[in-house]
N, C-alpha and C. Protein backbone atom coordinates (compact mmCIF):
# COMPACT_ATOMS: atom_id res chain seq x y z
N MET A 1 0.84 -1.17 0.00
CA MET A 1 0.00 0.00 0.00
C MET A 1 0.89 1.24 0.00
N PRO A 2 0.87 2.06 -1.05
CA PRO A 2 1.76 3.22 -1.12
C PRO A 2 1.30 4.32 -0.16
N GLU A 3 2.30 4.97 0.44
CA GLU A 3 2.00 6.07 1.35
C GLU A 3 1.76 7.34 0.55
N ASP A 4 0.93 8.17 1.09
CA ASP A 4 0.66 9.47 0.44
C ASP A 4 1.81 10.41 0.77
N THR A 5 2.62 10.73 -0.23
CA THR A 5 3.80 11.58 0.00
C THR A 5 3.52 13.03 -0.33
N GLN A 6 2.32 13.34 -0.82
CA GLN A 6 1.98 14.73 -1.12
C GLN A 6 1.67 15.46 0.18
N PRO A 7 2.20 16.70 0.33
CA PRO A 7 1.89 17.46 1.54
C PRO A 7 0.42 17.87 1.54
N THR A 8 -0.14 17.92 2.73
CA THR A 8 -1.53 18.34 2.83
C THR A 8 -1.58 19.85 2.97
N ILE A 9 -2.57 20.43 2.35
CA ILE A 9 -2.76 21.88 2.39
C ILE A 9 -3.95 22.16 3.27
N ARG A 10 -3.72 22.92 4.33
CA ARG A 10 -4.81 23.25 5.24
C ARG A 10 -5.44 24.56 4.79
N THR A 11 -6.74 24.58 4.79
CA THR A 11 -7.45 25.80 4.46
C THR A 11 -8.32 26.20 5.63
N THR A 12 -8.48 27.49 5.82
CA THR A 12 -9.36 27.98 6.86
C THR A 12 -10.46 28.78 6.21
N GLY A 13 -11.68 28.37 6.44
CA GLY A 13 -12.82 29.08 5.87
C GLY A 13 -12.81 29.01 4.36
N SER A 14 -13.05 30.17 3.74
CA SER A 14 -13.12 30.21 2.28
C SER A 14 -11.78 30.62 1.67
N ARG A 15 -10.75 30.72 2.47
CA ARG A 15 -9.45 31.15 1.98
C ARG A 15 -8.82 30.08 1.09
N GLN A 16 -8.26 30.52 0.00
CA GLN A 16 -7.59 29.60 -0.91
C GLN A 16 -6.25 29.17 -0.31
N PRO A 17 -5.83 27.93 -0.52
CA PRO A 17 -4.55 27.49 0.03
C PRO A 17 -3.40 28.22 -0.65
N HIS A 18 -2.39 28.51 0.13
CA HIS A 18 -1.20 29.17 -0.39
C HIS A 18 -0.06 28.15 -0.41
N HIS A 19 0.44 27.88 -1.57
CA HIS A 19 1.56 26.95 -1.68
C HIS A 19 2.82 27.60 -1.15
N ASP A 20 2.87 28.96 -1.15
CA ASP A 20 4.04 29.66 -0.62
C ASP A 20 4.24 29.37 0.86
N GLU A 21 3.15 29.22 1.61
CA GLU A 21 3.26 28.95 3.03
C GLU A 21 3.95 27.61 3.29
N GLN A 22 3.73 26.66 2.43
CA GLN A 22 4.37 25.36 2.60
C GLN A 22 5.84 25.41 2.24
N LEU A 23 6.19 26.25 1.28
CA LEU A 23 7.57 26.30 0.80
C LEU A 23 8.48 27.12 1.70
N ILE A 24 7.93 27.89 2.63
CA ILE A 24 8.75 28.74 3.48
C ILE A 24 9.77 27.93 4.27
N MET A 25 9.39 26.76 4.71
CA MET A 25 10.32 25.98 5.53
C MET A 25 11.51 25.45 4.72
N PHE A 26 11.44 25.52 3.41
CA PHE A 26 12.54 25.05 2.57
C PHE A 26 13.46 26.18 2.11
N LEU A 27 13.16 27.42 2.49
CA LEU A 27 13.97 28.56 2.05
C LEU A 27 15.26 28.65 2.85
N GLU A 28 16.29 29.15 2.20
CA GLU A 28 17.54 29.48 2.89
C GLU A 28 17.29 30.71 3.75
N PRO A 29 18.10 30.94 4.79
CA PRO A 29 17.87 32.09 5.66
C PRO A 29 17.81 33.43 4.91
N ASP A 30 18.71 33.66 3.95
CA ASP A 30 18.68 34.93 3.23
C ASP A 30 17.45 35.04 2.34
N GLN A 31 16.99 33.93 1.78
CA GLN A 31 15.77 33.95 0.99
C GLN A 31 14.55 34.25 1.86
N LEU A 32 14.56 33.72 3.09
CA LEU A 32 13.46 33.96 4.01
C LEU A 32 13.40 35.44 4.40
N VAL A 33 14.56 36.04 4.64
CA VAL A 33 14.61 37.46 4.99
C VAL A 33 14.06 38.30 3.85
N ILE A 34 14.44 37.99 2.63
CA ILE A 34 13.95 38.73 1.47
C ILE A 34 12.44 38.56 1.33
N ASP A 35 11.95 37.34 1.54
CA ASP A 35 10.52 37.08 1.41
C ASP A 35 9.74 37.81 2.49
N LYS A 36 10.26 37.85 3.71
CA LYS A 36 9.56 38.50 4.81
C LYS A 36 9.66 40.02 4.76
N SER A 37 10.60 40.57 4.00
CA SER A 37 10.78 42.02 3.98
C SER A 37 9.89 42.71 2.96
N ARG A 38 9.11 41.96 2.21
CA ARG A 38 8.18 42.58 1.26
C ARG A 38 7.10 43.33 2.03
N PRO A 39 6.79 44.58 1.62
CA PRO A 39 5.77 45.34 2.35
C PRO A 39 4.37 44.75 2.16
N VAL A 40 3.59 44.89 3.21
CA VAL A 40 2.20 44.42 3.18
C VAL A 40 1.32 45.63 2.91
N PRO A 41 0.35 45.52 2.01
CA PRO A 41 -0.50 46.68 1.74
C PRO A 41 -1.32 47.07 2.96
N ARG A 42 -1.61 48.36 3.06
CA ARG A 42 -2.38 48.88 4.18
C ARG A 42 -3.81 48.34 4.14
N ALA A 43 -4.32 47.97 5.28
CA ALA A 43 -5.68 47.43 5.36
C ALA A 43 -6.70 48.53 5.14
N GLN A 44 -7.76 48.21 4.44
CA GLN A 44 -8.85 49.15 4.22
C GLN A 44 -9.85 49.00 5.36
N LEU A 45 -9.93 50.01 6.22
CA LEU A 45 -10.81 49.96 7.38
C LEU A 45 -12.02 50.85 7.17
N SER A 46 -13.11 50.48 7.81
CA SER A 46 -14.31 51.32 7.75
C SER A 46 -14.09 52.56 8.62
N ARG A 47 -14.95 53.54 8.44
CA ARG A 47 -14.83 54.76 9.25
C ARG A 47 -15.01 54.44 10.73
N ARG A 48 -15.87 53.51 11.03
CA ARG A 48 -16.12 53.13 12.42
C ARG A 48 -14.87 52.50 13.05
N ALA A 49 -14.23 51.60 12.32
CA ALA A 49 -13.02 50.96 12.83
C ALA A 49 -11.90 51.97 12.99
N SER A 50 -11.77 52.87 12.03
CA SER A 50 -10.74 53.90 12.10
C SER A 50 -10.98 54.82 13.29
N ALA A 51 -12.24 55.22 13.51
CA ALA A 51 -12.57 56.06 14.67
C ALA A 51 -12.28 55.33 15.97
N GLY A 52 -12.57 54.03 16.01
CA GLY A 52 -12.28 53.24 17.20
C GLY A 52 -10.80 53.18 17.50
N LEU A 53 -9.98 53.05 16.47
CA LEU A 53 -8.53 53.02 16.68
C LEU A 53 -8.01 54.37 17.15
N TRP A 54 -8.56 55.47 16.60
CA TRP A 54 -8.15 56.80 17.07
C TRP A 54 -8.57 57.01 18.52
N ALA A 55 -9.75 56.54 18.89
CA ALA A 55 -10.21 56.64 20.28
C ALA A 55 -9.29 55.84 21.20
N LEU A 56 -8.85 54.68 20.74
CA LEU A 56 -7.94 53.87 21.53
C LEU A 56 -6.59 54.56 21.72
N ARG A 57 -6.11 55.22 20.67
CA ARG A 57 -4.86 55.98 20.78
C ARG A 57 -4.99 57.10 21.80
N ALA A 58 -6.12 57.83 21.74
CA ALA A 58 -6.34 58.91 22.70
C ALA A 58 -6.42 58.36 24.12
N PHE A 59 -7.09 57.24 24.30
CA PHE A 59 -7.19 56.61 25.61
C PHE A 59 -5.81 56.24 26.16
N VAL A 60 -4.98 55.69 25.31
CA VAL A 60 -3.62 55.31 25.74
C VAL A 60 -2.83 56.53 26.16
N LEU A 61 -2.96 57.63 25.43
CA LEU A 61 -2.24 58.85 25.79
C LEU A 61 -2.73 59.40 27.13
N VAL A 62 -4.04 59.39 27.36
CA VAL A 62 -4.59 59.90 28.62
C VAL A 62 -4.13 59.02 29.79
N VAL A 63 -4.20 57.72 29.63
CA VAL A 63 -3.78 56.82 30.70
C VAL A 63 -2.27 56.96 30.96
N THR A 64 -1.48 57.13 29.92
CA THR A 64 -0.04 57.32 30.09
C THR A 64 0.23 58.59 30.88
N ALA A 65 -0.49 59.66 30.55
CA ALA A 65 -0.31 60.92 31.29
C ALA A 65 -0.70 60.73 32.76
N MET A 66 -1.77 59.99 33.02
CA MET A 66 -2.18 59.75 34.41
C MET A 66 -1.15 58.95 35.18
N VAL A 67 -0.59 57.94 34.54
CA VAL A 67 0.43 57.11 35.20
C VAL A 67 1.68 57.93 35.49
N LEU A 68 2.12 58.73 34.50
CA LEU A 68 3.31 59.57 34.72
C LEU A 68 3.07 60.59 35.83
N TYR A 69 1.91 61.22 35.83
CA TYR A 69 1.59 62.18 36.88
C TYR A 69 1.62 61.52 38.26
N THR A 70 0.99 60.37 38.38
CA THR A 70 0.95 59.65 39.66
C THR A 70 2.36 59.25 40.09
N PHE A 71 3.17 58.80 39.15
CA PHE A 71 4.54 58.39 39.46
C PHE A 71 5.34 59.57 40.02
N PHE A 72 5.31 60.69 39.31
CA PHE A 72 6.09 61.84 39.74
C PHE A 72 5.51 62.49 40.99
N ALA A 73 4.20 62.43 41.18
CA ALA A 73 3.59 62.95 42.39
C ALA A 73 4.00 62.13 43.61
N GLN A 74 4.14 60.83 43.44
CA GLN A 74 4.55 59.97 44.55
C GLN A 74 6.04 60.11 44.86
N LEU A 75 6.82 60.53 43.89
CA LEU A 75 8.24 60.76 44.17
C LEU A 75 8.44 61.94 45.12
N GLY A 76 7.55 62.92 45.00
CA GLY A 76 7.67 64.12 45.83
C GLY A 76 7.19 63.93 47.26
N SER A 77 6.39 62.94 47.52
CA SER A 77 5.87 62.79 48.88
C SER A 77 6.64 61.80 49.71
């Protein structure tokens, strides 16, 4: 009984299988660096998602300011 020597391709959802993903493990280190250094196109986000990310950035800045204020206020006491 012959063994199946073909690699299996896993798919998730409706995504088409990528043969490149299977070949990555056979690349030389310099080839892998070149392959990984290709830029990825910017994601197209809805206005709602973009607004949510800007709100998250503002929240992080406010919390950072609060933490720094508390830290320096406690140094003085």
